């Protein structure tokens, strides 16, 4: 598969994942204790026209408040990145902005738009696993959403 086709495929998969997220949030709206647009933070790659387009459609469709839209620049390029660039260029600025806007109290979902790395290399954490059975099912790569959820495990210091 050529690089161009691979990028198109990766974008289509990411769009599908965002579509699933949209569908899931739509389902939860019918539940009394479900999510509202106030609970969703949308993260946009400000250097990517694709990311801005996907995010704009999602924001409009789900009526996400402007204060819940966080635009990051200088996002690492590529599908896979190492932990340090993810932590320094995505997670720290994101958490800083969430805190500055006082969104942490209401945030329940962080939805990344397109053109973000989706795989984060974490071999230093993986190498610390001592149980052979656990090591068989673990991988030295984590997802961007998984690491965002488990941010307390990757030692974030204040920017």
N, C-alpha and C. Protein backbone atom coordinates (compact mmCIF):
# COMPACT_ATOMS: atom_id res chain seq x y z
N UNK A 1 0.85 -1.17 0.00
CA UNK A 1 0.00 0.00 0.00
C UNK A 1 0.90 1.23 0.00
N UNK A 2 0.66 2.18 -0.90
CA UNK A 2 1.49 3.38 -0.98
C UNK A 2 1.22 4.27 0.23
N UNK A 3 2.17 5.17 0.50
CA UNK A 3 2.05 6.08 1.65
C UNK A 3 0.79 6.93 1.53
N UNK A 4 0.49 7.40 0.33
CA UNK A 4 -0.70 8.23 0.13
C UNK A 4 -1.98 7.46 0.43
N UNK A 5 -2.04 6.22 -0.06
CA UNK A 5 -3.22 5.40 0.21
C UNK A 5 -3.30 5.03 1.68
N UNK A 6 -2.15 4.80 2.32
CA UNK A 6 -2.12 4.47 3.74
C UNK A 6 -2.66 5.65 4.56
N UNK A 7 -2.24 6.88 4.21
CA UNK A 7 -2.75 8.06 4.92
C UNK A 7 -4.25 8.21 4.74
N UNK A 8 -4.73 7.97 3.52
CA UNK A 8 -6.16 8.04 3.26
C UNK A 8 -6.90 6.98 4.07
N UNK A 9 -6.35 5.78 4.11
CA UNK A 9 -6.96 4.71 4.89
C UNK A 9 -6.99 5.08 6.37
N UNK A 10 -5.86 5.59 6.89
CA UNK A 10 -5.80 5.97 8.31
C UNK A 10 -6.81 7.07 8.62
N UNK A 11 -6.95 8.03 7.74
CA UNK A 11 -7.93 9.09 7.96
C UNK A 11 -9.35 8.55 7.94
N UNK A 12 -9.61 7.61 7.06
CA UNK A 12 -10.95 7.01 6.99
C UNK A 12 -11.25 6.24 8.28
N UNK A 13 -10.24 5.51 8.78
CA UNK A 13 -10.43 4.78 10.03
C UNK A 13 -10.68 5.75 11.17
N UNK A 14 -9.92 6.83 11.23
CA UNK A 14 -10.11 7.82 12.28
C UNK A 14 -11.49 8.47 12.17
N UNK A 15 -11.91 8.76 10.97
CA UNK A 15 -13.26 9.33 10.78
C UNK A 15 -14.32 8.36 11.25
N UNK A 16 -14.09 7.07 10.99
CA UNK A 16 -15.03 6.05 11.46
C UNK A 16 -15.07 6.02 12.98
N UNK A 17 -13.90 6.10 13.62
CA UNK A 17 -13.87 6.10 15.08
C UNK A 17 -14.58 7.32 15.64
N UNK A 18 -14.38 8.46 15.00
CA UNK A 18 -15.09 9.66 15.44
C UNK A 18 -16.59 9.48 15.24
N UNK A 19 -16.96 8.84 14.13
CA UNK A 19 -18.38 8.56 13.89
C UNK A 19 -18.97 7.67 14.96
N UNK A 20 -18.20 6.68 15.40
CA UNK A 20 -18.67 5.81 16.47
C UNK A 20 -18.84 6.62 17.75
N UNK A 21 -17.90 7.51 18.01
CA UNK A 21 -17.99 8.37 19.19
C UNK A 21 -19.25 9.24 19.10
N UNK A 22 -19.50 9.81 17.92
CA UNK A 22 -20.70 10.63 17.72
C UNK A 22 -21.94 9.79 17.97
N UNK A 23 -21.97 8.57 17.44
CA UNK A 23 -23.10 7.69 17.62
C UNK A 23 -23.29 7.36 19.10
N UNK A 24 -22.18 7.06 19.80
CA UNK A 24 -22.26 6.73 21.22
C UNK A 24 -22.78 7.89 22.05
N UNK A 25 -22.32 9.09 21.75
CA UNK A 25 -22.80 10.26 22.48
C UNK A 25 -24.27 10.48 22.16
N UNK A 26 -24.66 10.24 20.92
CA UNK A 26 -26.08 10.37 20.56
C UNK A 26 -26.94 9.42 21.34
N UNK A 27 -26.46 8.19 21.55
CA UNK A 27 -27.22 7.22 22.35
C UNK A 27 -27.35 7.68 23.78
N UNK A 28 -26.29 8.23 24.33
CA UNK A 28 -26.33 8.61 25.73
C UNK A 28 -27.23 9.82 25.99
N UNK A 29 -27.51 10.60 24.96
CA UNK A 29 -28.40 11.73 25.14
C UNK A 29 -29.81 11.27 25.52
N UNK A 30 -30.17 10.07 25.12
CA UNK A 30 -31.50 9.59 25.42
C UNK A 30 -31.61 9.08 26.86
N UNK A 31 -30.50 8.92 27.52
CA UNK A 31 -30.48 8.47 28.90
C UNK A 31 -30.42 9.70 29.79
N UNK A 32 -31.23 9.70 30.84
CA UNK A 32 -31.32 10.88 31.70
C UNK A 32 -29.97 11.29 32.27
N UNK A 33 -29.15 10.33 32.67
CA UNK A 33 -27.86 10.64 33.26
C UNK A 33 -26.75 10.67 32.21
N UNK A 34 -27.10 10.76 30.94
CA UNK A 34 -26.12 10.70 29.87
C UNK A 34 -25.29 11.97 29.75
N UNK A 35 -24.48 11.98 28.74
CA UNK A 35 -23.61 13.12 28.47
C UNK A 35 -24.37 14.22 27.74
N UNK A 36 -23.90 15.43 27.94
CA UNK A 36 -24.39 16.55 27.16
C UNK A 36 -23.19 17.16 26.45
N UNK A 37 -23.45 18.10 25.59
CA UNK A 37 -22.35 18.74 24.86
C UNK A 37 -21.39 19.46 25.81
N UNK A 38 -21.86 19.85 26.98
CA UNK A 38 -21.01 20.51 27.98
C UNK A 38 -19.95 19.57 28.53
N UNK A 39 -20.16 18.26 28.40
CA UNK A 39 -19.24 17.27 28.94
C UNK A 39 -18.16 16.84 27.96
N UNK A 40 -18.20 17.35 26.73
CA UNK A 40 -17.27 16.91 25.68
C UNK A 40 -16.26 18.01 25.39
N UNK A 41 -14.99 17.62 25.40
CA UNK A 41 -13.92 18.53 24.99
C UNK A 41 -13.40 18.01 23.65
N UNK A 42 -13.39 18.88 22.66
CA UNK A 42 -12.92 18.52 21.33
C UNK A 42 -11.52 19.10 21.15
N UNK A 43 -10.58 18.24 20.78
CA UNK A 43 -9.19 18.66 20.59
C UNK A 43 -8.90 18.68 19.09
N UNK A 44 -8.43 19.82 18.61
CA UNK A 44 -8.23 20.03 17.18
C UNK A 44 -6.75 20.27 16.90
N UNK A 45 -6.24 19.66 15.83
CA UNK A 45 -4.89 19.94 15.36
C UNK A 45 -4.98 21.21 14.51
N UNK A 46 -4.54 22.32 15.07
CA UNK A 46 -4.64 23.61 14.41
C UNK A 46 -3.81 23.74 13.15
N UNK A 47 -2.88 22.83 12.93
CA UNK A 47 -2.03 22.85 11.74
C UNK A 47 -2.60 21.99 10.62
N UNK A 48 -3.78 21.42 10.81
CA UNK A 48 -4.34 20.49 9.84
C UNK A 48 -5.73 20.93 9.39
N UNK A 49 -5.87 21.14 8.09
CA UNK A 49 -7.17 21.49 7.52
C UNK A 49 -8.17 20.34 7.72
N UNK A 50 -7.69 19.11 7.61
CA UNK A 50 -8.56 17.95 7.80
C UNK A 50 -9.09 17.92 9.24
N UNK A 51 -8.22 18.14 10.20
CA UNK A 51 -8.63 18.13 11.60
C UNK A 51 -9.66 19.22 11.88
N UNK A 52 -9.41 20.41 11.34
CA UNK A 52 -10.35 21.52 11.56
C UNK A 52 -11.70 21.24 10.90
N UNK A 53 -11.68 20.64 9.72
CA UNK A 53 -12.94 20.33 9.02
C UNK A 53 -13.76 19.30 9.78
N UNK A 54 -13.11 18.20 10.17
CA UNK A 54 -13.81 17.16 10.92
C UNK A 54 -14.35 17.73 12.23
N UNK A 55 -13.52 18.47 12.94
CA UNK A 55 -13.93 19.05 14.21
C UNK A 55 -15.10 20.02 14.03
N UNK A 56 -15.04 20.85 13.01
CA UNK A 56 -16.13 21.82 12.79
C UNK A 56 -17.46 21.12 12.55
N UNK A 57 -17.45 20.05 11.79
CA UNK A 57 -18.69 19.30 11.56
C UNK A 57 -19.20 18.68 12.87
N UNK A 58 -18.30 18.08 13.61
CA UNK A 58 -18.67 17.45 14.88
C UNK A 58 -19.20 18.48 15.87
N UNK A 59 -18.52 19.61 15.97
CA UNK A 59 -18.91 20.68 16.89
C UNK A 59 -20.29 21.22 16.54
N UNK A 60 -20.52 21.42 15.25
CA UNK A 60 -21.82 21.93 14.81
C UNK A 60 -22.92 20.89 15.05
N UNK A 61 -22.66 19.66 14.69
CA UNK A 61 -23.67 18.61 14.81
C UNK A 61 -24.04 18.36 16.27
N UNK A 62 -23.05 18.36 17.14
CA UNK A 62 -23.27 18.06 18.56
C UNK A 62 -23.43 19.32 19.42
N UNK A 63 -23.36 20.49 18.80
CA UNK A 63 -23.53 21.76 19.50
C UNK A 63 -22.57 21.87 20.70
N UNK A 64 -21.32 21.59 20.44
CA UNK A 64 -20.28 21.68 21.46
C UNK A 64 -19.99 23.16 21.71
N UNK A 65 -20.00 23.60 22.97
CA UNK A 65 -19.69 25.02 23.26
C UNK A 65 -18.27 25.38 22.82
N UNK A 66 -18.11 26.60 22.37
CA UNK A 66 -16.80 27.08 21.90
C UNK A 66 -15.73 26.92 22.97
N UNK A 67 -16.08 27.16 24.21
CA UNK A 67 -15.09 27.04 25.30
C UNK A 67 -14.57 25.61 25.44
N UNK A 68 -15.29 24.63 24.91
CA UNK A 68 -14.89 23.23 25.01
C UNK A 68 -14.06 22.77 23.81
N UNK A 69 -13.71 23.68 22.93
CA UNK A 69 -12.89 23.36 21.76
C UNK A 69 -11.48 23.86 22.01
N UNK A 70 -10.54 22.94 22.01
CA UNK A 70 -9.14 23.28 22.28
C UNK A 70 -8.32 22.99 21.03
N UNK A 71 -7.68 24.03 20.53
CA UNK A 71 -6.86 23.91 19.31
C UNK A 71 -5.40 23.85 19.72
N UNK A 72 -4.73 22.80 19.31
CA UNK A 72 -3.30 22.65 19.58
C UNK A 72 -2.52 22.85 18.29
N UNK A 73 -1.36 23.44 18.40
CA UNK A 73 -0.47 23.58 17.25
C UNK A 73 0.83 22.83 17.56
N UNK A 74 1.63 22.64 16.55
CA UNK A 74 2.90 21.93 16.69
C UNK A 74 2.70 20.49 17.16
N UNK A 75 1.61 19.88 16.69
CA UNK A 75 1.30 18.49 17.03
C UNK A 75 2.28 17.59 16.28
N UNK A 76 2.85 16.59 16.97
CA UNK A 76 3.76 15.68 16.27
C UNK A 76 3.08 15.01 15.07
N UNK A 77 3.82 14.89 14.00
CA UNK A 77 3.27 14.29 12.78
C UNK A 77 3.48 12.78 12.79
N UNK A 78 2.63 12.10 12.07
CA UNK A 78 2.75 10.66 11.95
C UNK A 78 1.71 9.94 12.78
N UNK A 79 1.57 8.67 12.50
CA UNK A 79 0.60 7.83 13.19
C UNK A 79 1.17 7.37 14.53
N UNK A 80 2.48 7.08 14.56
CA UNK A 80 3.15 6.64 15.79
C UNK A 80 4.15 7.70 16.24
N UNK A 81 4.13 7.98 17.55
CA UNK A 81 5.12 8.89 18.13
C UNK A 81 5.59 8.31 19.46
N UNK A 82 6.71 8.83 19.93
CA UNK A 82 7.22 8.42 21.23
C UNK A 82 6.45 9.12 22.34
N UNK A 83 6.62 8.62 23.55
CA UNK A 83 5.88 9.14 24.70
C UNK A 83 6.20 10.61 24.98
N UNK A 84 7.47 11.00 24.94
CA UNK A 84 7.83 12.37 25.28
C UNK A 84 7.16 13.41 24.36
N UNK A 85 7.19 13.25 23.03
CA UNK A 85 6.48 14.23 22.19
C UNK A 85 4.97 14.25 22.46
N UNK A 86 4.37 13.09 22.71
CA UNK A 86 2.94 13.04 23.05
C UNK A 86 2.69 13.83 24.33
N UNK A 87 3.48 13.55 25.33
CA UNK A 87 3.31 14.20 26.63
C UNK A 87 3.53 15.72 26.52
N UNK A 88 4.61 16.12 25.83
CA UNK A 88 5.00 17.53 25.80
C UNK A 88 4.21 18.38 24.80
N UNK A 89 3.83 17.78 23.67
CA UNK A 89 3.19 18.57 22.60
C UNK A 89 1.67 18.42 22.56
N UNK A 90 1.15 17.37 23.18
CA UNK A 90 -0.30 17.16 23.14
C UNK A 90 -0.89 17.21 24.55
N UNK A 91 -0.48 16.29 25.41
CA UNK A 91 -1.14 16.14 26.70
C UNK A 91 -0.92 17.33 27.64
N UNK A 92 0.30 17.79 27.80
CA UNK A 92 0.55 18.93 28.69
C UNK A 92 -0.21 20.19 28.24
N UNK A 93 -0.11 20.57 26.95
CA UNK A 93 -0.86 21.76 26.53
C UNK A 93 -2.38 21.58 26.68
N UNK A 94 -2.86 20.36 26.41
CA UNK A 94 -4.29 20.08 26.55
C UNK A 94 -4.73 20.23 28.00
N UNK A 95 -4.02 19.61 28.92
CA UNK A 95 -4.38 19.70 30.34
C UNK A 95 -4.25 21.12 30.86
N UNK A 96 -3.24 21.83 30.40
CA UNK A 96 -3.06 23.23 30.80
C UNK A 96 -4.26 24.07 30.38
N UNK A 97 -4.73 23.86 29.16
CA UNK A 97 -5.87 24.61 28.65
C UNK A 97 -7.17 24.21 29.36
N UNK A 98 -7.33 22.94 29.64
CA UNK A 98 -8.51 22.48 30.39
C UNK A 98 -8.54 23.15 31.76
N UNK A 99 -7.40 23.21 32.42
CA UNK A 99 -7.33 23.85 33.73
C UNK A 99 -7.57 25.36 33.64
N UNK A 100 -6.96 26.00 32.64
CA UNK A 100 -7.13 27.44 32.47
C UNK A 100 -8.59 27.82 32.23
N UNK A 101 -9.30 26.98 31.50
CA UNK A 101 -10.72 27.24 31.19
C UNK A 101 -11.67 26.69 32.25
N UNK A 102 -11.11 26.05 33.26
CA UNK A 102 -11.91 25.45 34.34
C UNK A 102 -12.94 24.44 33.81
N UNK A 103 -12.50 23.59 32.89
CA UNK A 103 -13.38 22.60 32.27
C UNK A 103 -13.30 21.23 32.94
N UNK A 104 -12.34 21.03 33.82
CA UNK A 104 -12.13 19.71 34.40
C UNK A 104 -13.36 19.21 35.16
N UNK A 105 -14.07 20.08 35.81
CA UNK A 105 -15.23 19.68 36.61
C UNK A 105 -16.34 19.07 35.78
N UNK A 106 -16.50 19.54 34.53
CA UNK A 106 -17.60 19.04 33.71
C UNK A 106 -17.16 18.07 32.62
N UNK A 107 -15.87 17.98 32.37
CA UNK A 107 -15.37 17.13 31.27
C UNK A 107 -15.56 15.66 31.57
N UNK A 108 -16.15 14.95 30.63
CA UNK A 108 -16.33 13.50 30.73
C UNK A 108 -15.74 12.79 29.51
N UNK A 109 -15.58 13.52 28.41
CA UNK A 109 -15.08 12.95 27.17
C UNK A 109 -14.07 13.90 26.56
N UNK A 110 -12.95 13.37 26.14
CA UNK A 110 -11.99 14.12 25.33
C UNK A 110 -12.00 13.46 23.97
N UNK A 111 -12.45 14.20 22.96
CA UNK A 111 -12.56 13.67 21.60
C UNK A 111 -11.50 14.34 20.73
N UNK A 112 -10.53 13.55 20.28
CA UNK A 112 -9.51 14.06 19.37
C UNK A 112 -10.07 14.07 17.96
N UNK A 113 -9.84 15.13 17.25
CA UNK A 113 -10.22 15.19 15.85
C UNK A 113 -9.19 14.43 15.03
N UNK A 114 -9.23 14.57 13.73
CA UNK A 114 -8.30 13.88 12.83
C UNK A 114 -6.90 14.47 12.91
N UNK A 115 -5.95 13.76 12.33
CA UNK A 115 -4.55 14.17 12.20
C UNK A 115 -3.82 14.33 13.53
N UNK A 116 -4.11 13.43 14.43
CA UNK A 116 -3.33 13.27 15.65
C UNK A 116 -2.68 11.89 15.58
N UNK A 117 -1.51 11.74 16.20
CA UNK A 117 -0.95 10.39 16.26
C UNK A 117 -1.94 9.49 17.02
N UNK A 118 -2.08 8.27 16.60
CA UNK A 118 -3.01 7.38 17.28
C UNK A 118 -2.29 6.31 18.10
N UNK A 119 -1.00 6.14 17.88
CA UNK A 119 -0.23 5.13 18.59
C UNK A 119 0.97 5.80 19.26
N UNK A 120 1.12 5.56 20.55
CA UNK A 120 2.21 6.15 21.33
C UNK A 120 3.12 5.02 21.80
N UNK A 121 4.39 5.14 21.44
CA UNK A 121 5.36 4.11 21.84
C UNK A 121 5.70 4.28 23.32
N UNK A 122 5.58 3.18 24.08
CA UNK A 122 5.88 3.21 25.51
C UNK A 122 6.76 2.03 25.92
N UNK A 123 7.86 1.78 25.21
CA UNK A 123 8.67 0.59 25.52
C UNK A 123 9.25 0.62 26.93
N UNK A 124 9.56 1.82 27.47
CA UNK A 124 10.14 1.89 28.81
C UNK A 124 9.14 1.43 29.87
N UNK A 125 7.85 1.66 29.66
CA UNK A 125 6.84 1.19 30.59
C UNK A 125 6.59 -0.31 30.39
N UNK A 126 6.55 -0.71 29.14
CA UNK A 126 6.31 -2.12 28.82
C UNK A 126 7.42 -3.00 29.37
N UNK A 127 8.67 -2.52 29.30
CA UNK A 127 9.80 -3.32 29.77
C UNK A 127 9.76 -3.56 31.28
N UNK A 128 8.99 -2.77 32.02
CA UNK A 128 8.89 -2.93 33.47
C UNK A 128 7.88 -4.02 33.87
N UNK A 129 7.13 -4.52 32.92
CA UNK A 129 6.17 -5.59 33.23
C UNK A 129 6.96 -6.86 33.50
N UNK A 130 6.76 -7.45 34.66
CA UNK A 130 7.53 -8.64 35.03
C UNK A 130 6.75 -9.94 34.86
N UNK A 131 5.43 -9.87 34.90
CA UNK A 131 4.62 -11.07 34.75
C UNK A 131 4.61 -11.52 33.29
N UNK A 132 5.10 -12.73 33.00
CA UNK A 132 5.17 -13.18 31.61
C UNK A 132 3.80 -13.28 30.92
N UNK A 133 2.76 -13.65 31.68
CA UNK A 133 1.42 -13.75 31.09
C UNK A 133 0.91 -12.36 30.70
N UNK A 134 1.14 -11.38 31.55
CA UNK A 134 0.72 -10.01 31.25
C UNK A 134 1.50 -9.49 30.05
N UNK A 135 2.78 -9.77 30.02
CA UNK A 135 3.63 -9.29 28.93
C UNK A 135 3.19 -9.86 27.57
N UNK A 136 2.62 -11.08 27.58
CA UNK A 136 2.14 -11.68 26.34
C UNK A 136 0.98 -10.89 25.73
N UNK A 137 0.14 -10.33 26.57
CA UNK A 137 -1.06 -9.64 26.07
C UNK A 137 -0.90 -8.13 26.01
N UNK A 138 0.18 -7.62 26.56
CA UNK A 138 0.43 -6.18 26.48
C UNK A 138 1.25 -5.89 25.24
N UNK A 139 1.34 -4.62 24.92
CA UNK A 139 2.05 -4.18 23.73
C UNK A 139 2.86 -2.95 24.10
N UNK A 140 4.04 -2.76 23.54
CA UNK A 140 4.82 -1.56 23.87
C UNK A 140 4.31 -0.30 23.17
N UNK A 141 3.07 -0.35 22.71
CA UNK A 141 2.44 0.81 22.08
C UNK A 141 1.06 0.99 22.70
N UNK A 142 0.73 2.23 23.01
CA UNK A 142 -0.58 2.55 23.60
C UNK A 142 -1.33 3.48 22.65
N UNK A 143 -2.64 3.52 22.82
CA UNK A 143 -3.44 4.43 22.01
C UNK A 143 -3.44 5.82 22.63
N UNK A 144 -3.68 6.82 21.82
CA UNK A 144 -3.74 8.19 22.31
C UNK A 144 -4.87 8.36 23.32
N UNK A 145 -5.99 7.71 23.07
CA UNK A 145 -7.11 7.84 24.01
C UNK A 145 -6.83 7.07 25.30
N UNK A 146 -6.20 5.91 25.19
CA UNK A 146 -5.86 5.15 26.39
C UNK A 146 -4.89 5.90 27.28
N UNK A 147 -3.86 6.49 26.70
CA UNK A 147 -2.89 7.25 27.50
C UNK A 147 -3.50 8.53 28.05
N UNK A 148 -4.43 9.11 27.34
CA UNK A 148 -5.11 10.29 27.87
C UNK A 148 -5.91 9.89 29.10
N UNK A 149 -6.59 8.75 29.03
CA UNK A 149 -7.38 8.27 30.16
C UNK A 149 -6.48 7.93 31.35
N UNK A 150 -5.34 7.29 31.08
CA UNK A 150 -4.44 6.89 32.15
C UNK A 150 -3.29 7.88 32.34
N UNK A 151 -3.57 9.15 32.17
CA UNK A 151 -2.51 10.17 32.22
C UNK A 151 -1.76 10.16 33.53
N UNK A 152 -2.37 9.75 34.61
CA UNK A 152 -1.68 9.75 35.90
C UNK A 152 -0.51 8.75 35.92
N UNK A 153 -0.51 7.80 35.00
CA UNK A 153 0.56 6.80 34.97
C UNK A 153 1.78 7.24 34.16
N UNK A 154 1.67 8.36 33.47
CA UNK A 154 2.81 8.76 32.62
C UNK A 154 3.49 10.03 33.12
N UNK A 155 3.29 10.35 34.36
CA UNK A 155 4.03 11.41 35.05
C UNK A 155 4.01 12.75 34.31
N UNK A 156 2.90 13.41 34.45
CA UNK A 156 2.75 14.74 33.86
C UNK A 156 3.12 15.77 34.91
N UNK A 157 4.10 16.60 34.61
CA UNK A 157 4.41 17.71 35.51
C UNK A 157 3.81 18.96 34.91
N UNK A 158 3.52 19.92 35.75
CA UNK A 158 2.90 21.17 35.27
C UNK A 158 3.81 21.85 34.26
N UNK A 159 3.23 22.36 33.15
CA UNK A 159 4.04 23.04 32.13
C UNK A 159 4.57 24.37 32.64
